[in-house]
Amino acid sequence: MHGSQQVAQSRAFGRETSGPPRCHGRPQSGRITSDIDSLTRDPSTPGPSGGASLPAKRYHGLDVLRAGMMLFGVWLHAGLSYNGSRPDPYWAIADAPVPALTEPVRCASALFRMQTFFVLAGFFGALLKVRLGICGFLHDRLLRIGAPFLLGWLILFPALRMIFVAATSPCGTAAIGSAVMSGRLWADPYPIHLWFLEYLLIAYLLTLLGLWLWERLGTVWRSFAARIFDRVVRGGLTPLVMVLIALPAYFVTTQPGTDIPLSFVPRPTSLYAYGLFFGFGWVLSHRIHLLPELARQGPAWLGIGMILALVVPGAVPVGAEDPAIATSRPAVPFPWEPKDPEAPPLGRTAAADWSFPLAALGNDLVSWMVVLGLIGLALRMPDRSHPWLRYLSHASYWIYLAHFPVVAGLSLVLMPVPLNGAVKLTLTLAGSLAMLLAAYELGVRRTWLGRLLGAQAGPQPHRIKQARD
């Protein structure tokens, strides 16, 4: 085998021919990178450990796709108060239902939202690791992922609980003080929407461990695996192969689709499912030459996936929550209220029939098709940056991290207002985005918090446009 072929194939899944990456924070040249989201750094700005990164190729279409998934999550959570479900320990506000607006968003989110995000996180996480080395990568991830997870939860969880106490208590806001003093405000803690940060940290650690094991394989095996990966992607077999890899998880799943973690203890099935999307993105980052192929296949995958979502039973969870899941959750008391020793525990129970694994298989197959379709379409976008889109891309991480108590608070404020549910949902969503964008511009973008979240501290979009004109 020629030397150039050995270099290319040894780099296929993250190994350099000169040995494993050194433990330092200096960027490495000759690699493509991106600031696709706040999970990576703007290459033109200093990182948490100091020093400027090298100039980098940016995937503007993927940047827009990532921001879209974040903002789509805000719409999803704004609709939780208007989906017609009864209050539960995880969302205690229920107002005028508008399922025609909330149900399609919920179904679409179950199909592709976080799956797409984890593919992109794996893709750009791998590129960041090559640039920074292992120690620099771990330092960056602890600052950009670990710190927001810890600090965000300590602030957002009690804020959300206070809103829920006010929403469910006859005394309204007067009950907040009692809940705080009694300690019930912190009862049955769960990671709220920040669970994905915990799972990302676990995915990074497991991936680095996997790379350490991978490097101990021979060059022949690594080259063989790289060729197999190429043939699977080029042959249009990615959804089928990934579903086969995920097959063991279908028989222990508790609901169709990828479970949303509701505990700080990682759910093995959820970690495995999201880990496959993350791992695919990580490997793809070392097979950059496959991106044009994904762009070519994108429209076909998206079209087939959407058709199957409509015709395959159980491919998309629709309608009310499954009774096997709903009945496993206590109706009352809420966690912040006095405990009933006979109340059933929080959590979900597994269904003992074949409908769950079959529905999970169909959902996963459709999810892979739609995710590949969206990524393919994003890669087809013009390779240029629009100032406003770039601004929203930088702001989207902050918006998603901080939005939960904001949408809950606005929903609570609008509850006594005699308006249609669709109007309330629109006001909740628009008001939340306006408040969060204002907070980003005035109190985040140019501060230490903005640097921590990878925010852009440059001029505003309209000033950029004026300078160009």
Protein backbone atom coordinates (compact mmCIF):
# COMPACT_ATOMS: atom_id res chain seq x y z
CA MET A 1 0.00 0.00 0.00
CA HIS A 2 1.29 3.46 -0.92
CA GLY A 3 2.24 5.86 1.85
CA SER A 4 -0.47 8.40 0.95
CA GLN A 5 -3.14 5.72 1.13
CA GLN A 6 -1.89 4.64 4.53
CA VAL A 7 -2.08 8.21 5.80
CA ALA A 8 -5.62 8.70 4.49
CA GLN A 9 -6.94 5.45 5.89
CA SER A 10 -5.17 5.73 9.21
CA ARG A 11 -6.82 9.11 9.67
CA ALA A 12 -10.20 7.67 8.72
CA PHE A 13 -11.51 7.34 12.25
CA GLY A 14 -9.31 9.85 14.02
CA ARG A 15 -5.82 8.35 14.22
CA GLU A 16 -2.71 10.23 13.09
CA THR A 17 0.08 8.24 11.53
CA SER A 18 2.57 9.73 13.97
CA GLY A 19 0.73 8.34 16.98
CA PRO A 20 -2.13 9.38 19.25
CA PRO A 21 -2.80 13.10 19.75
CA ARG A 22 -0.64 14.86 22.26
CA CYS A 23 -2.11 16.29 25.43
CA HIS A 24 -1.95 20.00 24.72
CA GLY A 25 -4.26 22.84 23.75
CA ARG A 26 -2.43 24.17 20.68
CA PRO A 27 -4.43 24.01 17.45
CA GLN A 28 -3.27 21.67 14.73
CA SER A 29 -3.10 22.82 11.14
CA GLY A 30 -4.28 21.21 7.95
CA ARG A 31 -7.78 20.38 9.18
CA ILE A 32 -11.25 21.63 8.41
CA THR A 33 -13.22 22.96 11.34
CA SER A 34 -16.25 25.09 12.04
CA ASP A 35 -18.04 27.10 14.65
CA ILE A 36 -21.24 25.26 13.77
CA ASP A 37 -22.65 26.02 17.19
CA SER A 38 -21.70 27.01 20.65
CA LEU A 39 -20.41 23.51 21.09
CA THR A 40 -17.42 24.67 19.06
CA ARG A 41 -15.58 27.95 19.01
CA ASP A 42 -15.53 30.73 16.45
CA PRO A 43 -12.14 30.17 14.79
CA SER A 44 -11.46 33.89 14.68
CA THR A 45 -11.90 34.45 18.42
CA PRO A 46 -9.81 33.35 21.39
CA GLY A 47 -10.88 30.19 23.15
CA PRO A 48 -11.34 29.62 26.88
CA SER A 49 -7.72 28.58 27.23
CA GLY A 50 -6.46 31.62 25.33
CA GLY A 51 -4.86 31.89 21.93
CA ALA A 52 -6.52 32.30 18.56
CA SER A 53 -7.58 29.45 16.38
CA LEU A 54 -6.53 29.03 12.80
CA PRO A 55 -8.67 30.19 9.89
CA ALA A 56 -11.31 27.60 9.15
CA LYS A 57 -13.81 26.49 6.57
CA ARG A 58 -17.33 27.08 7.77
CA TYR A 59 -20.36 25.06 6.81
CA HIS A 60 -22.93 27.84 6.76
CA GLY A 61 -25.79 25.54 5.82
CA LEU A 62 -25.10 23.25 8.75
CA ASP A 63 -24.79 26.30 10.98
CA VAL A 64 -28.29 27.38 9.97
CA LEU A 65 -29.60 23.84 10.45
CA ARG A 66 -28.19 23.66 13.97
CA ALA A 67 -29.70 27.01 14.91
CA GLY A 68 -33.02 25.91 13.43
CA MET A 69 -33.07 22.81 15.61
CA MET A 70 -32.43 24.95 18.70
CA LEU A 71 -35.17 27.46 17.87
CA PHE A 72 -37.52 24.64 16.93
CA GLY A 73 -37.08 23.37 20.48
CA VAL A 74 -38.25 26.73 21.83
CA TRP A 75 -41.45 26.39 19.76
CA LEU A 76 -41.90 22.84 21.04
CA HIS A 77 -41.58 23.85 24.70
CA ALA A 78 -43.72 26.96 24.29
CA GLY A 79 -46.50 24.64 23.13
CA LEU A 80 -46.35 22.40 26.21
CA SER A 81 -48.89 24.64 27.95
CA TYR A 82 -51.30 24.38 25.01
CA ASN A 83 -51.15 20.74 23.91
CA GLY A 84 -54.23 19.61 25.82
CA SER A 85 -52.41 17.28 28.25
CA ARG A 86 -53.08 17.37 31.96
CA PRO A 87 -50.42 18.95 34.17
CA ASP A 88 -47.69 16.58 35.29
CA PRO A 89 -44.52 16.85 37.40
CA TYR A 90 -42.51 17.86 34.36
CA TRP A 91 -44.78 20.62 33.06
CA ALA A 92 -47.44 21.92 35.43
CA ILE A 93 -49.13 24.53 33.20
CA ALA A 94 -52.16 23.62 31.07
CA ASP A 95 -54.09 26.32 29.24
CA ALA A 96 -56.39 26.54 26.21
CA PRO A 97 -55.41 23.58 23.99
CA VAL A 98 -54.50 24.05 20.33
CA PRO A 99 -53.37 20.56 19.27
CA ALA A 100 -53.48 21.54 15.60
CA LEU A 101 -50.45 23.77 16.27
CA THR A 102 -48.67 21.82 18.98
CA GLU A 103 -49.09 18.19 17.91
CA PRO A 104 -47.32 18.47 14.52
CA VAL A 105 -44.40 20.22 16.25
CA ARG A 106 -44.21 17.50 18.89
CA CYS A 107 -44.26 14.74 16.28
CA ALA A 108 -41.66 16.44 14.13
CA SER A 109 -39.44 16.99 17.15
CA ALA A 110 -39.65 13.30 18.06
CA LEU A 111 -38.67 12.46 14.51
CA PHE A 112 -35.52 14.48 13.90
CA ARG A 113 -34.76 17.47 16.15
CA MET A 114 -32.31 16.15 18.74
CA GLN A 115 -31.14 13.38 16.42
CA THR A 116 -29.95 16.00 13.93
CA PHE A 117 -28.33 17.99 16.70
CA PHE A 118 -26.33 15.01 17.94
CA VAL A 119 -25.06 14.23 14.43
CA LEU A 120 -23.81 17.81 14.10
CA ALA A 121 -22.35 17.76 17.62
CA GLY A 122 -20.37 14.61 16.79
CA PHE A 123 -19.21 15.98 13.45
CA PHE A 124 -17.82 19.23 14.76
CA GLY A 125 -16.72 17.80 18.07
CA ALA A 126 -14.36 15.49 16.19
CA LEU A 127 -12.91 18.39 14.22
CA LEU A 128 -12.45 20.39 17.40
CA LYS A 129 -10.62 17.49 19.03
CA VAL A 130 -8.18 17.33 16.12
CA ARG A 131 -7.49 21.05 16.40
CA LEU A 132 -7.03 21.22 20.16
CA GLY A 133 -5.65 17.82 21.11
CA ILE A 134 -7.15 15.68 23.82
CA CYS A 135 -6.44 17.89 26.83
CA GLY A 136 -7.41 21.07 25.01
CA PHE A 137 -10.57 19.37 23.80
CA LEU A 138 -11.56 18.20 27.29
CA HIS A 139 -10.84 21.64 28.74
CA ASP A 140 -12.95 23.29 26.05
CA ARG A 141 -15.86 20.85 26.54
CA LEU A 142 -15.87 21.30 30.31
CA LEU A 143 -16.09 25.07 29.87
CA ARG A 144 -18.55 25.14 26.97
CA ILE A 145 -20.74 22.18 27.99
CA GLY A 146 -20.05 21.25 31.61
CA ALA A 147 -20.16 24.76 33.08
CA PRO A 148 -23.43 25.77 31.34
CA PHE A 149 -24.96 22.47 32.45
CA LEU A 150 -24.08 22.99 36.10
CA LEU A 151 -24.65 26.74 36.35
CA GLY A 152 -27.71 26.66 34.11
CA TRP A 153 -29.41 23.94 36.10
CA LEU A 154 -28.75 25.62 39.45
CA ILE A 155 -30.47 28.77 38.15
CA LEU A 156 -33.13 27.45 35.78
CA PHE A 157 -34.49 24.51 37.76
CA PRO A 158 -35.56 26.50 40.85
CA ALA A 159 -36.86 29.30 38.63
CA LEU A 160 -39.01 26.83 36.71
CA ARG A 161 -40.20 25.18 39.91
CA MET A 162 -41.25 28.55 41.38
CA ILE A 163 -43.38 29.16 38.31
CA PHE A 164 -44.92 25.71 38.61
CA VAL A 165 -45.66 26.23 42.32
CA ALA A 166 -47.43 29.48 41.50
CA ALA A 167 -49.38 27.78 38.72
CA THR A 168 -50.62 24.84 40.80
CA SER A 169 -51.17 26.35 44.26
CA PRO A 170 -54.44 28.09 45.20
CA CYS A 171 -52.29 30.69 46.95
CA GLY A 172 -50.43 31.52 43.74
CA THR A 173 -47.08 33.21 44.19
CA ALA A 174 -47.57 33.27 47.96
CA ALA A 175 -46.88 29.52 48.01
CA ILE A 176 -43.37 29.97 46.64
CA GLY A 177 -41.92 31.03 49.98
CA SER A 178 -43.35 27.98 51.72
CA ALA A 179 -41.97 25.65 49.04
CA VAL A 180 -38.52 27.24 49.32
CA MET A 181 -38.39 27.14 53.12
CA SER A 182 -39.60 23.55 53.32
CA GLY A 183 -37.13 22.34 50.69
CA ARG A 184 -39.93 20.93 48.52
CA LEU A 185 -38.88 23.22 45.71
CA TRP A 186 -35.95 20.88 45.09
CA ALA A 187 -37.94 17.65 45.43
CA ASP A 188 -37.41 15.03 42.71
CA PRO A 189 -34.88 17.06 40.69
CA TYR A 190 -34.43 16.26 37.03
CA PRO A 191 -32.21 17.85 34.35
CA ILE A 192 -35.10 19.64 32.54
CA HIS A 193 -34.16 20.50 28.94
CA LEU A 194 -30.43 20.54 29.81
CA TRP A 195 -30.22 16.74 29.68
CA PHE A 196 -28.55 16.95 26.27
CA LEU A 197 -25.50 18.64 27.81
CA GLU A 198 -25.03 15.75 30.22
CA TYR A 199 -25.37 13.26 27.37
CA LEU A 200 -22.87 15.19 25.27
CA LEU A 201 -20.29 15.07 28.05
CA ILE A 202 -20.80 11.32 28.36
CA ALA A 203 -20.59 10.91 24.58
CA TYR A 204 -17.29 12.81 24.46
CA LEU A 205 -15.75 10.65 27.17
CA LEU A 206 -16.97 7.38 25.68
CA THR A 207 -15.77 8.44 22.24
CA LEU A 208 -12.28 9.24 23.50
CA LEU A 209 -12.21 5.85 25.20
CA GLY A 210 -13.34 4.23 21.96
CA LEU A 211 -10.61 6.04 20.03
CA TRP A 212 -8.01 4.78 22.50
CA LEU A 213 -9.19 1.22 21.84
CA TRP A 214 -9.48 1.87 18.10
CA GLU A 215 -5.86 2.95 17.87
CA ARG A 216 -4.79 -0.45 19.14
CA LEU A 217 -6.24 -2.15 16.09
CA GLY A 218 -4.06 -2.76 13.09
CA THR A 219 -3.99 -0.53 10.04
CA VAL A 220 -5.64 -3.24 7.97
CA TRP A 221 -8.73 -3.33 10.19
CA ARG A 222 -9.02 0.44 10.30
CA SER A 223 -8.71 0.69 6.53
CA PHE A 224 -11.31 -2.03 6.10
CA ALA A 225 -13.76 -0.22 8.40
CA ALA A 226 -13.19 3.05 6.53
CA ARG A 227 -13.98 1.39 3.20
CA ILE A 228 -17.13 -0.20 4.64
CA PHE A 229 -18.32 3.16 5.97
CA ASP A 230 -17.75 4.76 2.56
CA ARG A 231 -19.65 2.03 0.75
CA VAL A 232 -22.57 2.20 3.16
CA VAL A 233 -22.96 5.95 2.70
CA ARG A 234 -22.42 5.92 -1.06
CA GLY A 235 -24.73 2.95 -1.49
CA GLY A 236 -27.60 4.62 0.32
CA LEU A 237 -27.61 1.99 3.08
CA THR A 238 -27.01 4.28 6.05
CA PRO A 239 -30.55 4.18 7.57
CA LEU A 240 -30.81 0.40 7.26
CA VAL A 241 -27.35 -0.27 8.70
CA MET A 242 -27.84 2.14 11.61
CA VAL A 243 -31.22 0.59 12.44
CA LEU A 244 -29.60 -2.85 12.51
CA ILE A 245 -26.91 -1.56 14.86
CA ALA A 246 -29.60 -0.09 17.13
CA LEU A 247 -31.68 -3.29 17.07
CA PRO A 248 -30.86 -4.43 20.66
CA ALA A 249 -32.25 -1.21 22.13
CA TYR A 250 -35.68 -1.71 20.56
CA PHE A 251 -36.52 -4.62 22.86
CA VAL A 252 -36.01 -2.65 26.07
CA THR A 253 -37.46 0.70 25.00
CA THR A 254 -40.35 2.18 26.95
CA GLN A 255 -41.94 4.17 24.15
CA PRO A 256 -41.76 4.60 20.38
CA GLY A 257 -39.07 7.02 19.35
CA THR A 258 -35.97 8.10 21.22
CA ASP A 259 -36.72 8.49 24.93
CA ILE A 260 -36.34 11.92 26.50
CA PRO A 261 -34.26 11.47 29.67
CA LEU A 262 -36.09 12.58 32.82
CA SER A 263 -33.37 11.75 35.34
CA PHE A 264 -29.77 12.63 36.04
CA VAL A 265 -29.02 8.92 35.88
CA PRO A 266 -28.37 8.24 32.17
CA ARG A 267 -30.88 5.96 30.48
CA PRO A 268 -28.89 3.26 28.65
CA THR A 269 -31.37 3.09 25.76
CA SER A 270 -31.39 6.86 25.27
CA LEU A 271 -27.62 7.10 25.57
CA TYR A 272 -27.20 4.30 23.05
CA ALA A 273 -29.72 5.78 20.61
CA TYR A 274 -28.34 9.31 20.67
CA GLY A 275 -24.81 7.93 20.79
CA LEU A 276 -25.31 6.30 17.39
CA PHE A 277 -26.25 9.64 15.85
CA PHE A 278 -23.30 11.29 17.61
CA GLY A 279 -20.93 8.54 16.49
CA PHE A 280 -22.07 8.77 12.89
CA GLY A 281 -21.31 12.49 12.88
CA TRP A 282 -17.91 11.89 14.49
CA VAL A 283 -16.87 9.32 11.88
CA LEU A 284 -18.28 11.44 9.06
CA SER A 285 -15.99 14.31 10.08
CA HIS A 286 -13.03 12.13 9.07
CA ARG A 287 -14.67 11.23 5.74
CA ILE A 288 -15.19 14.76 4.42
CA HIS A 289 -15.17 13.52 0.84
CA LEU A 290 -18.60 11.94 1.51
CA LEU A 291 -20.31 15.28 2.10
CA PRO A 292 -21.08 15.88 -1.62
CA GLU A 293 -22.66 12.43 -1.70
CA LEU A 294 -24.87 13.28 1.26
CA ALA A 295 -25.82 16.54 -0.44
CA ARG A 296 -26.81 14.59 -3.54
CA GLN A 297 -28.88 12.07 -1.57
CA GLY A 298 -30.50 14.65 0.72
CA PRO A 299 -33.73 15.44 -1.18
CA ALA A 300 -34.43 11.76 -1.82
CA TRP A 301 -33.91 10.79 1.82
CA LEU A 302 -36.12 13.60 3.05
CA GLY A 303 -38.90 12.75 0.63
CA ILE A 304 -38.84 9.02 1.39
CA GLY A 305 -38.67 9.66 5.10
CA MET A 306 -41.68 11.97 5.10
CA ILE A 307 -43.72 9.51 3.05
CA LEU A 308 -42.85 6.63 5.39
CA ALA A 309 -43.70 8.81 8.39
CA LEU A 310 -47.23 9.04 7.05
CA VAL A 311 -47.75 5.41 6.03
CA VAL A 312 -45.70 3.29 8.48
CA PRO A 313 -47.71 2.55 11.66
CA GLY A 314 -45.96 3.89 14.75
CA ALA A 315 -43.17 5.57 12.81
CA VAL A 316 -44.16 8.87 14.41
CA PRO A 317 -45.79 8.90 17.86
CA VAL A 318 -49.09 10.76 17.43
CA GLY A 319 -52.06 11.58 19.59
CA ALA A 320 -52.22 11.58 23.35
CA GLU A 321 -49.53 10.08 25.51
CA ASP A 322 -49.62 6.31 25.68
CA PRO A 323 -51.67 5.09 28.68
CA ALA A 324 -48.88 2.74 29.76
CA ILE A 325 -46.67 5.79 30.18
CA ALA A 326 -49.23 8.29 31.42
CA THR A 327 -50.55 6.05 34.20
CA SER A 328 -47.05 5.53 35.56
CA ARG A 329 -46.85 9.23 36.41
CA PRO A 330 -48.56 10.60 39.52
CA ALA A 331 -51.37 13.05 38.91
CA VAL A 332 -51.05 14.67 42.35
CA PRO A 333 -49.32 15.60 44.51
CA PHE A 334 -46.68 17.46 42.60
CA PRO A 335 -43.07 17.01 43.79
CA TRP A 336 -43.12 20.41 45.49
CA GLU A 337 -46.26 19.54 47.49
CA PRO A 338 -46.46 17.36 50.65
CA LYS A 339 -45.68 13.75 49.89
CA ASP A 340 -48.20 10.93 49.86
CA PRO A 341 -46.34 7.76 50.93
CA GLU A 342 -48.62 5.67 48.71
CA ALA A 343 -48.17 7.80 45.59
CA PRO A 344 -46.60 5.97 42.63
CA PRO A 345 -42.99 6.93 41.85
CA LEU A 346 -41.99 9.20 39.03
CA GLY A 347 -40.83 7.57 35.86
CA ARG A 348 -42.04 5.28 33.13
CA THR A 349 -42.83 1.63 32.95
CA ALA A 350 -41.91 -0.59 30.05
CA ALA A 351 -44.67 -2.07 27.97
CA ALA A 352 -44.63 -5.84 27.70
CA ASP A 353 -45.73 -6.26 24.11
CA TRP A 354 -44.17 -6.11 20.67
CA SER A 355 -45.77 -2.82 19.65
CA PHE A 356 -43.02 -0.79 21.29
CA PRO A 357 -39.97 -2.37 19.62
CA LEU A 358 -41.71 -2.43 16.24
CA ALA A 359 -42.78 1.19 16.56
CA ALA A 360 -39.29 2.14 17.76
CA LEU A 361 -37.74 0.41 14.75
CA GLY A 362 -40.03 2.26 12.35
CA ASN A 363 -39.41 5.55 14.09
CA ASP A 364 -35.64 5.08 14.00
CA LEU A 365 -35.65 4.20 10.31
CA VAL A 366 -37.67 7.28 9.42
CA SER A 367 -35.55 9.43 11.74
CA TRP A 368 -32.33 8.46 9.98
CA MET A 369 -33.86 9.22 6.58
CA VAL A 370 -35.14 12.64 7.65
CA VAL A 371 -31.90 13.54 9.45
CA LEU A 372 -29.81 12.60 6.41
CA GLY A 373 -32.22 14.54 4.23
CA LEU A 374 -31.94 17.68 6.33
CA ILE A 375 -28.16 17.48 6.44
CA GLY A 376 -28.05 16.92 2.69
CA LEU A 377 -30.24 19.96 2.06
CA ALA A 378 -28.12 22.05 4.43
CA LEU A 379 -24.99 21.08 2.52
CA ARG A 380 -26.65 22.31 -0.67
CA MET A 381 -27.07 25.82 0.69
CA PRO A 382 -24.86 28.57 -0.79
CA ASP A 383 -21.44 28.66 0.83
CA ARG A 384 -21.78 32.17 2.20
CA SER A 385 -22.84 33.72 5.46
CA HIS A 386 -25.81 36.03 5.94
CA PRO A 387 -25.22 38.51 8.82
CA TRP A 388 -28.59 37.99 10.48
CA LEU A 389 -28.46 34.22 10.17
CA ARG A 390 -24.98 34.21 11.62
CA TYR A 391 -26.13 36.40 14.48
CA LEU A 392 -29.03 34.04 15.25
CA SER A 393 -26.68 31.07 15.02
CA HIS A 394 -24.49 32.52 17.73
CA ALA A 395 -27.49 33.53 19.84
CA SER A 396 -29.33 30.23 19.53
CA TYR A 397 -27.29 28.40 22.17
CA TRP A 398 -28.08 31.07 24.76
CA ILE A 399 -31.73 31.18 23.67
CA TYR A 400 -32.15 27.44 24.03
CA LEU A 401 -30.36 27.22 27.37
CA ALA A 402 -32.38 30.03 28.99
CA HIS A 403 -35.81 29.67 27.39
CA PHE A 404 -37.51 27.12 29.67
CA PRO A 405 -38.58 29.37 32.58
CA VAL A 406 -39.24 32.24 30.16
CA VAL A 407 -41.85 30.36 28.12
CA ALA A 408 -43.33 28.90 31.32
CA GLY A 409 -43.56 32.33 32.94
CA LEU A 410 -45.23 33.91 29.93
CA SER A 411 -47.68 31.00 29.73
CA LEU A 412 -48.56 31.54 33.38
CA VAL A 413 -49.05 35.29 32.88
CA LEU A 414 -51.37 34.66 29.93
CA MET A 415 -53.49 31.99 31.65
CA PRO A 416 -56.17 34.40 33.02
CA VAL A 417 -56.29 36.40 29.78
CA PRO A 418 -59.40 35.51 27.72
CA LEU A 419 -57.67 34.82 24.43
CA ASN A 420 -57.67 31.95 21.97
CA GLY A 421 -55.00 29.30 22.58
CA ALA A 422 -53.39 29.96 19.21
CA VAL A 423 -53.03 33.64 20.06
CA LYS A 424 -51.57 32.80 23.46
CA LEU A 425 -49.08 30.38 21.90
CA THR A 426 -48.02 33.03 19.39
CA LEU A 427 -47.58 35.63 22.12
CA THR A 428 -45.65 33.18 24.29
CA LEU A 429 -43.28 32.23 21.49
CA ALA A 430 -42.78 35.75 20.13
CA GLY A 431 -42.42 37.29 23.58
CA SER A 432 -39.92 34.66 24.70
CA LEU A 433 -37.72 35.08 21.63
CA ALA A 434 -37.83 38.88 21.92
CA MET A 435 -36.84 38.81 25.59
CA LEU A 436 -34.07 36.28 25.10
CA LEU A 437 -32.62 38.09 22.09
CA ALA A 438 -32.66 41.37 24.01
CA ALA A 439 -30.92 39.70 26.94
CA TYR A 440 -28.35 38.20 24.57
CA GLU A 441 -27.55 41.53 22.96
CA LEU A 442 -27.51 43.61 26.14
CA GLY A 443 -26.19 41.22 28.76
CA VAL A 444 -24.56 38.18 27.17
CA ARG A 445 -22.83 38.77 23.85
CA ARG A 446 -20.02 41.04 25.07
CA THR A 447 -19.60 39.57 28.55
CA TRP A 448 -17.82 36.62 30.14
CA LEU A 449 -21.00 34.63 29.69
CA GLY A 450 -20.93 35.29 25.96
CA ARG A 451 -17.33 34.14 25.77
CA LEU A 452 -18.22 31.02 27.72
CA LEU A 453 -21.06 30.22 25.32
CA GLY A 454 -19.04 31.00 22.20
CA ALA A 455 -21.06 34.11 21.39
CA GLN A 456 -19.95 36.49 18.66
CA ALA A 457 -18.72 39.76 20.14
CA GLY A 458 -18.37 41.57 16.82
CA PRO A 459 -20.60 44.27 15.34
CA GLN A 460 -24.34 43.86 15.00
CA PRO A 461 -25.74 42.49 11.73
CA HIS A 462 -27.19 45.80 10.54
CA ARG A 463 -23.81 47.48 11.11
CA ILE A 464 -22.07 44.77 9.13
CA LYS A 465 -24.45 45.36 6.24
CA GLN A 466 -23.96 49.14 6.41
CA ALA A 467 -20.17 48.68 6.36
CA ARG A 468 -20.43 46.46 3.30
CA ASP A 469 -22.71 48.92 1.50
